[in-house]
């Protein structure tokens, strides 16, 4: 956590196995907090096989079923989307009109067309926040 950038914080998970799930919702589909929380209540996280097999499954807001299996000696796990194997060649970690992280880049960018944009860069020295890039 950074006192300098109190409004821009990152969640850090540490341990032998870490994972996070990110879903993106469109305002058109979820125009208020009540509808968003109702949509999130319909998502499913299945972590029954996490401890023994390092496997997570998630059914997201749009109904897509994502399955990820942890790779002990690699940073990127094996995964499938709706039963089809994920192929990572030239595929970003996350990509939307506002948020992007290219594979193996160490840079997460948020671009706001009407407000402030920021970039989070991970390097050997730690996390580096950049505003207005």
N, C-alpha and C. Protein backbone atom coordinates (compact mmCIF):
# COMPACT_ATOMS: atom_id res chain seq x y z
N UNK A 1 0.83 -1.17 0.00
CA UNK A 1 0.00 0.00 0.00
C UNK A 1 0.89 1.24 0.00
N UNK A 2 0.44 2.25 -0.66
CA UNK A 2 1.22 3.46 -0.80
C UNK A 2 0.48 4.65 -0.21
N UNK A 3 1.12 5.36 0.68
CA UNK A 3 0.52 6.58 1.24
C UNK A 3 0.49 7.68 0.18
N UNK A 4 1.47 7.66 -0.73
CA UNK A 4 1.56 8.69 -1.75
C UNK A 4 0.37 8.64 -2.71
N UNK A 5 -0.07 7.42 -3.07
CA UNK A 5 -1.19 7.25 -4.00
C UNK A 5 -2.34 6.55 -3.29
N UNK A 6 -2.92 7.21 -2.32
CA UNK A 6 -3.98 6.61 -1.51
C UNK A 6 -5.20 6.21 -2.34
N UNK A 7 -5.47 6.94 -3.43
CA UNK A 7 -6.64 6.65 -4.25
C UNK A 7 -6.40 5.52 -5.25
N UNK A 8 -5.17 5.06 -5.39
CA UNK A 8 -4.83 4.02 -6.35
C UNK A 8 -4.05 2.93 -5.64
N UNK A 9 -4.72 1.88 -5.27
CA UNK A 9 -4.09 0.80 -4.52
C UNK A 9 -4.22 -0.50 -5.31
N UNK A 10 -3.35 -1.44 -5.01
CA UNK A 10 -3.38 -2.76 -5.64
C UNK A 10 -3.50 -3.82 -4.56
N UNK A 11 -4.16 -4.89 -4.88
CA UNK A 11 -4.30 -6.01 -3.97
C UNK A 11 -3.19 -7.00 -4.28
N UNK A 12 -2.47 -7.42 -3.27
CA UNK A 12 -1.36 -8.34 -3.44
C UNK A 12 -1.70 -9.65 -2.77
N UNK A 13 -1.52 -10.74 -3.50
CA UNK A 13 -1.71 -12.08 -2.94
C UNK A 13 -0.35 -12.74 -2.88
N UNK A 14 -0.02 -13.33 -1.74
CA UNK A 14 1.28 -13.99 -1.64
C UNK A 14 1.08 -15.39 -1.08
N UNK A 15 2.01 -16.27 -1.40
CA UNK A 15 1.92 -17.66 -0.95
C UNK A 15 2.47 -18.57 -2.02
N UNK A 16 2.37 -19.88 -1.78
CA UNK A 16 2.88 -20.85 -2.75
C UNK A 16 2.04 -20.89 -4.02
N UNK A 17 0.74 -20.68 -3.89
CA UNK A 17 -0.17 -20.62 -5.03
C UNK A 17 -1.05 -19.40 -4.86
N UNK A 18 -1.08 -18.55 -5.85
CA UNK A 18 -1.96 -17.39 -5.80
C UNK A 18 -2.76 -17.33 -7.10
N UNK A 19 -3.94 -16.78 -7.01
CA UNK A 19 -4.79 -16.61 -8.19
C UNK A 19 -5.75 -15.48 -7.93
N UNK A 20 -6.24 -14.87 -8.97
CA UNK A 20 -7.27 -13.86 -8.84
C UNK A 20 -8.20 -13.98 -10.04
N UNK A 21 -9.42 -13.56 -9.84
CA UNK A 21 -10.43 -13.61 -10.89
C UNK A 21 -10.88 -12.18 -11.15
N UNK A 22 -10.88 -11.80 -12.41
CA UNK A 22 -11.31 -10.47 -12.81
C UNK A 22 -12.43 -10.62 -13.84
N UNK A 23 -13.50 -9.92 -13.65
CA UNK A 23 -14.59 -9.91 -14.62
C UNK A 23 -14.88 -8.44 -14.92
N UNK A 24 -15.31 -8.16 -16.12
CA UNK A 24 -15.59 -6.79 -16.53
C UNK A 24 -17.06 -6.70 -16.92
N UNK A 25 -17.73 -5.69 -16.41
CA UNK A 25 -19.16 -5.51 -16.69
C UNK A 25 -19.37 -4.19 -17.43
N UNK A 26 -20.32 -4.20 -18.36
CA UNK A 26 -20.67 -2.98 -19.08
C UNK A 26 -21.77 -2.25 -18.31
N UNK A 27 -21.65 -0.95 -18.26
CA UNK A 27 -22.66 -0.13 -17.58
C UNK A 27 -24.04 -0.32 -18.20
N UNK A 28 -24.08 -0.52 -19.51
CA UNK A 28 -25.36 -0.74 -20.21
C UNK A 28 -26.07 -1.97 -19.64
N UNK A 29 -25.29 -3.01 -19.31
CA UNK A 29 -25.87 -4.24 -18.78
C UNK A 29 -26.16 -4.17 -17.29
N UNK A 30 -25.38 -3.38 -16.56
CA UNK A 30 -25.50 -3.26 -15.10
C UNK A 30 -25.47 -1.78 -14.72
N UNK A 31 -26.59 -1.07 -14.93
CA UNK A 31 -26.60 0.39 -14.77
C UNK A 31 -26.56 0.90 -13.34
N UNK A 32 -26.74 0.01 -12.36
CA UNK A 32 -26.67 0.47 -10.98
C UNK A 32 -26.06 -0.64 -10.12
N UNK A 33 -25.71 -0.29 -8.90
CA UNK A 33 -25.02 -1.22 -8.00
C UNK A 33 -25.89 -2.44 -7.69
N UNK A 34 -27.18 -2.23 -7.55
CA UNK A 34 -28.09 -3.34 -7.23
C UNK A 34 -28.06 -4.40 -8.33
N UNK A 35 -28.11 -3.97 -9.58
CA UNK A 35 -28.08 -4.93 -10.70
C UNK A 35 -26.71 -5.59 -10.82
N UNK A 36 -25.65 -4.85 -10.55
CA UNK A 36 -24.32 -5.44 -10.61
C UNK A 36 -24.16 -6.51 -9.54
N UNK A 37 -24.57 -6.21 -8.31
CA UNK A 37 -24.44 -7.22 -7.25
C UNK A 37 -25.33 -8.43 -7.53
N UNK A 38 -26.50 -8.22 -8.13
CA UNK A 38 -27.35 -9.35 -8.50
C UNK A 38 -26.65 -10.20 -9.57
N UNK A 39 -25.99 -9.57 -10.53
CA UNK A 39 -25.23 -10.30 -11.54
C UNK A 39 -24.07 -11.06 -10.94
N UNK A 40 -23.35 -10.42 -10.03
CA UNK A 40 -22.22 -11.08 -9.38
C UNK A 40 -22.68 -12.24 -8.51
N UNK A 41 -23.88 -12.14 -7.94
CA UNK A 41 -24.42 -13.25 -7.15
C UNK A 41 -24.66 -14.49 -8.01
N UNK A 42 -24.84 -14.31 -9.32
CA UNK A 42 -25.06 -15.45 -10.22
C UNK A 42 -23.75 -16.06 -10.70
N UNK A 43 -22.61 -15.40 -10.48
CA UNK A 43 -21.33 -15.99 -10.88
C UNK A 43 -20.99 -17.13 -9.93
N UNK A 44 -20.13 -18.03 -10.40
CA UNK A 44 -19.77 -19.20 -9.59
C UNK A 44 -18.25 -19.36 -9.59
N UNK A 45 -17.67 -19.45 -8.40
CA UNK A 45 -16.26 -19.77 -8.22
C UNK A 45 -16.21 -21.18 -7.64
N UNK A 46 -15.54 -22.09 -8.34
CA UNK A 46 -15.40 -23.47 -7.88
C UNK A 46 -13.93 -23.69 -7.53
N UNK A 47 -13.62 -23.71 -6.24
CA UNK A 47 -12.24 -23.90 -5.80
C UNK A 47 -12.04 -25.22 -5.05
N UNK A 48 -12.94 -26.17 -5.26
CA UNK A 48 -12.85 -27.46 -4.55
C UNK A 48 -11.56 -28.21 -4.85
N UNK A 49 -10.98 -28.00 -6.04
CA UNK A 49 -9.76 -28.71 -6.43
C UNK A 49 -8.50 -27.84 -6.29
N UNK A 50 -8.62 -26.66 -5.70
CA UNK A 50 -7.49 -25.74 -5.60
C UNK A 50 -6.36 -26.29 -4.74
N UNK A 51 -6.66 -26.72 -3.53
CA UNK A 51 -5.61 -27.16 -2.61
C UNK A 51 -4.86 -28.39 -3.12
N UNK A 52 -5.56 -29.39 -3.63
CA UNK A 52 -4.91 -30.64 -4.03
C UNK A 52 -4.40 -30.62 -5.47
N UNK A 53 -5.14 -29.99 -6.39
CA UNK A 53 -4.78 -30.04 -7.81
C UNK A 53 -4.43 -28.68 -8.40
N UNK A 54 -4.59 -27.61 -7.64
CA UNK A 54 -4.28 -26.28 -8.16
C UNK A 54 -5.20 -25.87 -9.30
N UNK A 55 -6.47 -26.22 -9.19
CA UNK A 55 -7.42 -25.97 -10.26
C UNK A 55 -8.56 -25.10 -9.76
N UNK A 56 -8.89 -24.06 -10.54
CA UNK A 56 -10.01 -23.16 -10.25
C UNK A 56 -10.95 -23.12 -11.46
N UNK A 57 -12.23 -22.97 -11.19
CA UNK A 57 -13.20 -22.78 -12.27
C UNK A 57 -14.07 -21.57 -11.91
N UNK A 58 -14.47 -20.84 -12.93
CA UNK A 58 -15.28 -19.64 -12.73
C UNK A 58 -16.30 -19.55 -13.86
N UNK A 59 -17.54 -19.32 -13.50
CA UNK A 59 -18.59 -19.01 -14.47
C UNK A 59 -18.92 -17.55 -14.25
N UNK A 60 -18.66 -16.73 -15.28
CA UNK A 60 -18.71 -15.29 -15.15
C UNK A 60 -20.05 -14.64 -15.44
N UNK A 61 -20.04 -13.33 -15.45
CA UNK A 61 -21.24 -12.53 -15.65
C UNK A 61 -21.96 -12.86 -16.96
N UNK A 62 -21.20 -13.15 -18.00
CA UNK A 62 -21.80 -13.46 -19.30
C UNK A 62 -22.05 -14.95 -19.51
N UNK A 63 -21.78 -15.76 -18.46
CA UNK A 63 -22.03 -17.20 -18.54
C UNK A 63 -20.87 -18.02 -19.06
N UNK A 64 -19.74 -17.39 -19.37
CA UNK A 64 -18.58 -18.14 -19.84
C UNK A 64 -17.98 -18.94 -18.69
N UNK A 65 -17.54 -20.16 -18.99
CA UNK A 65 -16.93 -21.05 -17.99
C UNK A 65 -15.42 -21.07 -18.23
N UNK A 66 -14.69 -20.57 -17.25
CA UNK A 66 -13.23 -20.51 -17.32
C UNK A 66 -12.66 -21.51 -16.32
N UNK A 67 -11.69 -22.30 -16.76
CA UNK A 67 -11.02 -23.27 -15.89
C UNK A 67 -9.52 -23.03 -16.01
N UNK A 68 -8.84 -22.92 -14.87
CA UNK A 68 -7.40 -22.69 -14.85
C UNK A 68 -6.76 -23.73 -13.94
N UNK A 69 -5.66 -24.31 -14.43
CA UNK A 69 -4.88 -25.25 -13.62
C UNK A 69 -3.50 -24.65 -13.39
N UNK A 70 -3.12 -24.55 -12.14
CA UNK A 70 -1.86 -23.94 -11.72
C UNK A 70 -0.66 -24.72 -12.29
N UNK A 71 0.36 -23.99 -12.72
CA UNK A 71 1.62 -24.57 -13.19
C UNK A 71 2.68 -24.26 -12.14
N UNK A 72 3.17 -25.28 -11.47
CA UNK A 72 4.11 -25.08 -10.37
C UNK A 72 5.40 -24.39 -10.82
N UNK A 73 5.89 -24.66 -12.01
CA UNK A 73 7.16 -24.10 -12.46
C UNK A 73 6.99 -23.05 -13.53
N UNK A 74 5.84 -22.44 -13.61
CA UNK A 74 5.59 -21.41 -14.61
C UNK A 74 4.64 -20.37 -14.07
N UNK A 75 4.71 -19.20 -14.64
CA UNK A 75 3.86 -18.10 -14.17
C UNK A 75 2.46 -18.17 -14.77
N UNK A 76 2.29 -18.95 -15.83
CA UNK A 76 1.02 -18.97 -16.54
C UNK A 76 0.44 -20.38 -16.48
N UNK A 77 -0.76 -20.51 -15.95
CA UNK A 77 -1.39 -21.81 -15.82
C UNK A 77 -2.04 -22.27 -17.12
N UNK A 78 -2.39 -23.55 -17.17
CA UNK A 78 -3.17 -24.10 -18.28
C UNK A 78 -4.61 -23.68 -18.09
N UNK A 79 -5.28 -23.34 -19.16
CA UNK A 79 -6.66 -22.86 -19.01
C UNK A 79 -7.51 -23.23 -20.21
N UNK A 80 -8.83 -23.20 -19.96
CA UNK A 80 -9.78 -23.38 -21.05
C UNK A 80 -10.92 -22.38 -20.85
N UNK A 81 -11.54 -22.02 -21.96
CA UNK A 81 -12.68 -21.11 -21.96
C UNK A 81 -13.81 -21.82 -22.68
N UNK A 82 -14.89 -22.07 -21.97
CA UNK A 82 -16.04 -22.80 -22.52
C UNK A 82 -15.60 -24.12 -23.17
N UNK A 83 -14.67 -24.81 -22.51
CA UNK A 83 -14.22 -26.12 -22.96
C UNK A 83 -13.13 -26.12 -24.01
N UNK A 84 -12.74 -24.94 -24.51
CA UNK A 84 -11.69 -24.87 -25.54
C UNK A 84 -10.39 -24.40 -24.89
N UNK A 85 -9.27 -25.09 -25.18
CA UNK A 85 -7.99 -24.68 -24.59
C UNK A 85 -7.64 -23.24 -24.95
N UNK A 86 -7.11 -22.50 -24.00
CA UNK A 86 -6.67 -21.13 -24.22
C UNK A 86 -5.29 -21.19 -24.87
N UNK A 87 -5.11 -20.43 -25.93
CA UNK A 87 -3.82 -20.31 -26.61
C UNK A 87 -3.35 -18.88 -26.40
N UNK A 88 -2.18 -18.71 -25.78
CA UNK A 88 -1.76 -17.38 -25.35
C UNK A 88 -0.95 -16.59 -26.37
N UNK A 89 -0.56 -17.15 -27.46
CA UNK A 89 0.28 -16.43 -28.41
C UNK A 89 -0.40 -15.11 -28.82
N UNK A 90 0.28 -14.02 -28.55
CA UNK A 90 -0.19 -12.67 -28.90
C UNK A 90 -1.54 -12.31 -28.27
N UNK A 91 -1.82 -12.84 -27.10
CA UNK A 91 -3.09 -12.57 -26.43
C UNK A 91 -2.81 -11.83 -25.13
N UNK A 92 -3.44 -10.68 -24.90
CA UNK A 92 -3.20 -9.96 -23.65
C UNK A 92 -3.77 -10.69 -22.44
N UNK A 93 -3.21 -10.39 -21.28
CA UNK A 93 -3.74 -10.94 -20.04
C UNK A 93 -5.16 -10.45 -19.83
N UNK A 94 -5.36 -9.15 -20.06
CA UNK A 94 -6.69 -8.56 -19.99
C UNK A 94 -6.75 -7.45 -21.03
N UNK A 95 -7.92 -7.33 -21.69
CA UNK A 95 -8.09 -6.30 -22.70
C UNK A 95 -9.55 -5.88 -22.73
N UNK A 96 -9.77 -4.59 -22.60
CA UNK A 96 -11.10 -4.02 -22.70
C UNK A 96 -10.93 -2.60 -23.23
N UNK A 97 -12.02 -1.90 -23.47
CA UNK A 97 -11.86 -0.51 -23.92
C UNK A 97 -11.11 0.37 -22.90
N UNK A 98 -11.08 -0.04 -21.64
CA UNK A 98 -10.46 0.78 -20.60
C UNK A 98 -9.21 0.17 -19.98
N UNK A 99 -9.15 -1.13 -19.89
CA UNK A 99 -8.10 -1.82 -19.15
C UNK A 99 -7.33 -2.75 -20.07
N UNK A 100 -5.98 -2.74 -19.95
CA UNK A 100 -5.16 -3.61 -20.79
C UNK A 100 -3.88 -3.99 -20.06
N UNK A 101 -3.51 -5.27 -20.21
CA UNK A 101 -2.21 -5.76 -19.76
C UNK A 101 -1.74 -6.78 -20.78
N UNK A 102 -0.66 -6.47 -21.48
CA UNK A 102 -0.09 -7.41 -22.43
C UNK A 102 0.63 -8.53 -21.70
N UNK A 103 0.62 -9.71 -22.29
CA UNK A 103 1.27 -10.87 -21.70
C UNK A 103 2.75 -10.59 -21.49
N UNK A 104 3.23 -10.90 -20.30
CA UNK A 104 4.63 -10.75 -19.90
C UNK A 104 5.14 -9.29 -19.93
N UNK A 105 4.22 -8.32 -19.89
CA UNK A 105 4.63 -6.92 -19.95
C UNK A 105 4.92 -6.33 -18.58
N UNK A 106 4.23 -6.81 -17.55
CA UNK A 106 4.38 -6.22 -16.23
C UNK A 106 3.75 -4.85 -16.11
N UNK A 107 2.87 -4.49 -17.06
CA UNK A 107 2.25 -3.17 -17.08
C UNK A 107 0.73 -3.31 -17.22
N UNK A 108 0.00 -2.76 -16.26
CA UNK A 108 -1.45 -2.70 -16.31
C UNK A 108 -1.84 -1.25 -16.57
N UNK A 109 -2.61 -1.01 -17.63
CA UNK A 109 -3.01 0.35 -18.00
C UNK A 109 -4.51 0.52 -17.91
N UNK A 110 -4.92 1.65 -17.34
CA UNK A 110 -6.33 2.03 -17.30
C UNK A 110 -6.45 3.35 -18.05
N UNK A 111 -7.23 3.35 -19.12
CA UNK A 111 -7.43 4.57 -19.91
C UNK A 111 -8.88 5.01 -19.76
N UNK A 112 -9.05 6.21 -19.21
CA UNK A 112 -10.37 6.78 -19.02
C UNK A 112 -10.54 7.90 -20.04
N UNK A 113 -11.47 7.78 -20.98
CA UNK A 113 -11.61 8.79 -22.03
C UNK A 113 -12.07 10.15 -21.52
N UNK A 114 -12.68 10.20 -20.34
CA UNK A 114 -13.18 11.49 -19.84
C UNK A 114 -12.55 11.89 -18.51
N UNK A 115 -11.71 11.07 -17.96
CA UNK A 115 -11.11 11.37 -16.66
C UNK A 115 -9.64 11.01 -16.64
N UNK A 116 -9.16 10.75 -15.48
CA UNK A 116 -7.75 10.47 -15.29
C UNK A 116 -7.42 9.01 -15.64
N UNK A 117 -6.32 8.81 -16.35
CA UNK A 117 -5.82 7.49 -16.67
C UNK A 117 -4.61 7.19 -15.81
N UNK A 118 -4.28 5.90 -15.66
CA UNK A 118 -3.10 5.55 -14.88
C UNK A 118 -2.48 4.26 -15.42
N UNK A 119 -1.27 4.03 -14.99
CA UNK A 119 -0.53 2.84 -15.37
C UNK A 119 0.16 2.29 -14.13
N UNK A 120 0.10 0.99 -13.94
CA UNK A 120 0.79 0.32 -12.85
C UNK A 120 1.86 -0.56 -13.49
N UNK A 121 3.11 -0.28 -13.16
CA UNK A 121 4.24 -1.02 -13.72
C UNK A 121 4.91 -1.82 -12.60
N UNK A 122 5.15 -3.10 -12.86
CA UNK A 122 5.84 -3.96 -11.91
C UNK A 122 7.25 -4.20 -12.44
N UNK A 123 8.25 -3.89 -11.61
CA UNK A 123 9.63 -4.15 -12.00
C UNK A 123 10.39 -4.69 -10.79
N UNK A 124 11.69 -4.87 -10.93
CA UNK A 124 12.49 -5.44 -9.85
C UNK A 124 12.49 -4.59 -8.59
N UNK A 125 12.22 -3.31 -8.73
CA UNK A 125 12.20 -2.41 -7.57
C UNK A 125 10.84 -2.40 -6.87
N UNK A 126 9.83 -2.99 -7.49
CA UNK A 126 8.50 -3.01 -6.90
C UNK A 126 7.46 -2.44 -7.85
N UNK A 127 6.41 -1.85 -7.29
CA UNK A 127 5.32 -1.27 -8.08
C UNK A 127 5.59 0.19 -8.34
N UNK A 128 5.27 0.63 -9.55
CA UNK A 128 5.44 2.04 -9.90
C UNK A 128 4.13 2.53 -10.54
N UNK A 129 3.52 3.55 -9.91
CA UNK A 129 2.29 4.16 -10.41
C UNK A 129 2.64 5.32 -11.32
N UNK A 130 1.96 5.43 -12.43
CA UNK A 130 2.10 6.58 -13.31
C UNK A 130 0.70 7.11 -13.59
N UNK A 131 0.53 8.41 -13.44
CA UNK A 131 -0.74 9.04 -13.75
C UNK A 131 -0.52 9.85 -15.02
N UNK A 132 -1.57 9.95 -15.85
CA UNK A 132 -1.52 10.74 -17.09
C UNK A 132 -0.33 10.34 -17.96
N UNK A 133 -0.39 9.20 -18.56
CA UNK A 133 0.71 8.76 -19.44
C UNK A 133 0.37 8.97 -20.89
